[in-house]
Amino acid sequence: MTAESQPGAGSVRSAVRWGLLLAAVASWGFRLPRVVHEFRAWREALGLSDRSGAASWRDFLVADVIGLLIVLAFGVVIFLVLRPRSPSQP
């Protein structure tokens, strides 16, 4: 007996699907204030003509933004991969 033919298998799959999406969005929301702070610090360092400070804040900002995008992309991709199959699909 396959997992899809068992009663309640769709609800477990749906719960995992929504749980992973919620975890990705929560992680994104938790890190967003830090990214905003790094953006403000970078802009302030640019205004003070502090090249080394601006470069380090920019590096932190870029790394955190890339991390946020990766987490959100994984969450959305997994959400779409685990969507329920239509009855016409095997």
C-alpha atoms as a PDB file:
ATOM      1  CA  MET A   1       0.000   0.000   0.000  1.00  0.00           C
ATOM      2  CA  THR A   2       1.492   3.357  -1.001  1.00  0.00           C
ATOM      3  CA  ALA A   3       1.506   6.464   1.147  1.00  0.00           C
ATOM      4  CA  GLU A   4      -1.007   8.235  -1.106  1.00  0.00           C
ATOM      5  CA  SER A   5      -3.543   5.412  -0.863  1.00  0.00           C
ATOM      6  CA  GLN A   6      -3.545   5.348   2.945  1.00  0.00           C
ATOM      7  CA  PRO A   7      -6.265   7.357   4.665  1.00  0.00           C
ATOM      8  CA  GLY A   8      -4.970  10.647   6.030  1.00  0.00           C
ATOM      9  CA  ALA A   9      -1.760  10.601   3.972  1.00  0.00           C
ATOM     10  CA  GLY A  10      -2.845  13.756   2.155  1.00  0.00           C
ATOM     11  CA  SER A  11      -3.412  15.616   5.383  1.00  0.00           C
ATOM     12  CA  VAL A  12       0.078  14.720   6.657  1.00  0.00           C
ATOM     13  CA  ARG A  13       1.603  15.824   3.373  1.00  0.00           C
ATOM     14  CA  SER A  14      -0.361  19.055   3.494  1.00  0.00           C
ATOM     15  CA  ALA A  15       0.683  19.676   7.099  1.00  0.00           C
ATOM     16  CA  VAL A  16       4.351  19.153   6.214  1.00  0.00           C
ATOM     17  CA  ARG A  17       3.954  21.382   3.168  1.00  0.00           C
ATOM     18  CA  TRP A  18       2.412  24.265   5.087  1.00  0.00           C
ATOM     19  CA  GLY A  19       4.735  23.766   8.065  1.00  0.00           C
ATOM     20  CA  LEU A  20       7.849  24.090   5.918  1.00  0.00           C
ATOM     21  CA  LEU A  21       6.491  27.175   4.195  1.00  0.00           C
ATOM     22  CA  LEU A  22       5.636  28.708   7.556  1.00  0.00           C
ATOM     23  CA  ALA A  23       9.140  27.926   8.861  1.00  0.00           C
ATOM     24  CA  ALA A  24      10.724  29.578   5.816  1.00  0.00           C
ATOM     25  CA  VAL A  25       8.586  32.699   6.164  1.00  0.00           C
ATOM     26  CA  ALA A  26       9.203  32.851   9.931  1.00  0.00           C
ATOM     27  CA  SER A  27      12.950  32.552   9.390  1.00  0.00           C
ATOM     28  CA  TRP A  28      12.745  35.303   6.776  1.00  0.00           C
ATOM     29  CA  GLY A  29      10.774  37.544   9.116  1.00  0.00           C
ATOM     30  CA  PHE A  30      13.142  36.876  12.017  1.00  0.00           C
ATOM     31  CA  ARG A  31      16.196  37.911   9.971  1.00  0.00           C
ATOM     32  CA  LEU A  32      14.627  40.904   8.251  1.00  0.00           C
ATOM     33  CA  PRO A  33      15.269  43.435  11.073  1.00  0.00           C
ATOM     34  CA  ARG A  34      18.975  42.530  11.038  1.00  0.00           C
ATOM     35  CA  VAL A  35      19.112  43.141   7.285  1.00  0.00           C
ATOM     36  CA  VAL A  36      17.422  46.521   7.742  1.00  0.00           C
ATOM     37  CA  HIS A  37      19.963  47.434  10.437  1.00  0.00           C
ATOM     38  CA  GLU A  38      22.861  46.405   8.183  1.00  0.00           C
ATOM     39  CA  PHE A  39      21.404  48.441   5.315  1.00  0.00           C
ATOM     40  CA  ARG A  40      21.138  51.534   7.513  1.00  0.00           C
ATOM     41  CA  ALA A  41      24.671  51.059   8.862  1.00  0.00           C
ATOM     42  CA  TRP A  42      25.998  50.657   5.311  1.00  0.00           C
ATOM     43  CA  ARG A  43      24.246  53.854   4.161  1.00  0.00           C
ATOM     44  CA  GLU A  44      25.581  55.713   7.212  1.00  0.00           C
ATOM     45  CA  ALA A  45      29.141  54.513   6.534  1.00  0.00           C
ATOM     46  CA  LEU A  46      28.795  55.697   2.926  1.00  0.00           C
ATOM     47  CA  GLY A  47      27.670  59.102   4.159  1.00  0.00           C
ATOM     48  CA  LEU A  48      30.685  59.357   6.474  1.00  0.00           C
ATOM     49  CA  SER A  49      33.050  58.432   3.614  1.00  0.00           C
ATOM     50  CA  ASP A  50      34.248  55.403   5.597  1.00  0.00           C
ATOM     51  CA  ARG A  51      35.238  53.110   2.739  1.00  0.00           C
ATOM     52  CA  SER A  52      36.400  50.132   4.802  1.00  0.00           C
ATOM     53  CA  GLY A  53      33.370  50.316   7.091  1.00  0.00           C
ATOM     54  CA  ALA A  54      31.017  50.626   4.148  1.00  0.00           C
ATOM     55  CA  ALA A  55      32.666  47.665   2.427  1.00  0.00           C
ATOM     56  CA  SER A  56      32.309  45.439   5.492  1.00  0.00           C
ATOM     57  CA  TRP A  57      28.667  46.456   6.054  1.00  0.00           C
ATOM     58  CA  ARG A  58      27.975  45.826   2.373  1.00  0.00           C
ATOM     59  CA  ASP A  59      29.512  42.338   2.643  1.00  0.00           C
ATOM     60  CA  PHE A  60      27.342  41.533   5.676  1.00  0.00           C
ATOM     61  CA  LEU A  61      24.274  42.907   3.903  1.00  0.00           C
ATOM     62  CA  VAL A  62      24.871  40.938   0.708  1.00  0.00           C
ATOM     63  CA  ALA A  63      25.512  37.693   2.616  1.00  0.00           C
ATOM     64  CA  ASP A  64      22.352  38.058   4.698  1.00  0.00           C
ATOM     65  CA  VAL A  65      20.185  38.990   1.711  1.00  0.00           C
ATOM     66  CA  ILE A  66      21.460  35.993  -0.252  1.00  0.00           C
ATOM     67  CA  GLY A  67      20.763  33.771   2.750  1.00  0.00           C
ATOM     68  CA  LEU A  68      17.237  35.155   3.034  1.00  0.00           C
ATOM     69  CA  LEU A  69      16.557  34.569  -0.638  1.00  0.00           C
ATOM     70  CA  ILE A  70      17.860  30.997  -0.459  1.00  0.00           C
ATOM     71  CA  VAL A  71      15.699  30.164   2.574  1.00  0.00           C
ATOM     72  CA  LEU A  72      12.614  31.677   0.971  1.00  0.00           C
ATOM     73  CA  ALA A  73      13.303  29.969  -2.374  1.00  0.00           C
ATOM     74  CA  PHE A  74      13.696  26.563  -0.704  1.00  0.00           C
ATOM     75  CA  GLY A  75      10.464  27.085   1.207  1.00  0.00           C
ATOM     76  CA  VAL A  76       8.509  28.009  -1.913  1.00  0.00           C
ATOM     77  CA  VAL A  77      10.029  25.203  -4.014  1.00  0.00           C
ATOM     78  CA  ILE A  78       9.277  22.567  -1.378  1.00  0.00           C
ATOM     79  CA  PHE A  79       5.778  24.000  -0.998  1.00  0.00           C
ATOM     80  CA  LEU A  80       5.199  23.621  -4.737  1.00  0.00           C
ATOM     81  CA  VAL A  81       6.787  20.163  -4.981  1.00  0.00           C
ATOM     82  CA  LEU A  82       4.601  18.783  -2.191  1.00  0.00           C
ATOM     83  CA  ARG A  83       1.347  20.149  -3.606  1.00  0.00           C
ATOM     84  CA  PRO A  84      -1.426  17.574  -3.988  1.00  0.00           C
ATOM     85  CA  ARG A  85      -1.513  15.717  -7.252  1.00  0.00           C
ATOM     86  CA  SER A  86      -4.592  15.911  -9.406  1.00  0.00           C
ATOM     87  CA  PRO A  87      -6.452  12.610  -9.921  1.00  0.00           C
ATOM     88  CA  SER A  88      -5.314  12.416 -13.561  1.00  0.00           C
ATOM     89  CA  GLN A  89      -1.610  12.282 -12.579  1.00  0.00           C
ATOM     90  CA  PRO A  90      -0.038   8.945 -11.569  1.00  0.00           C
END
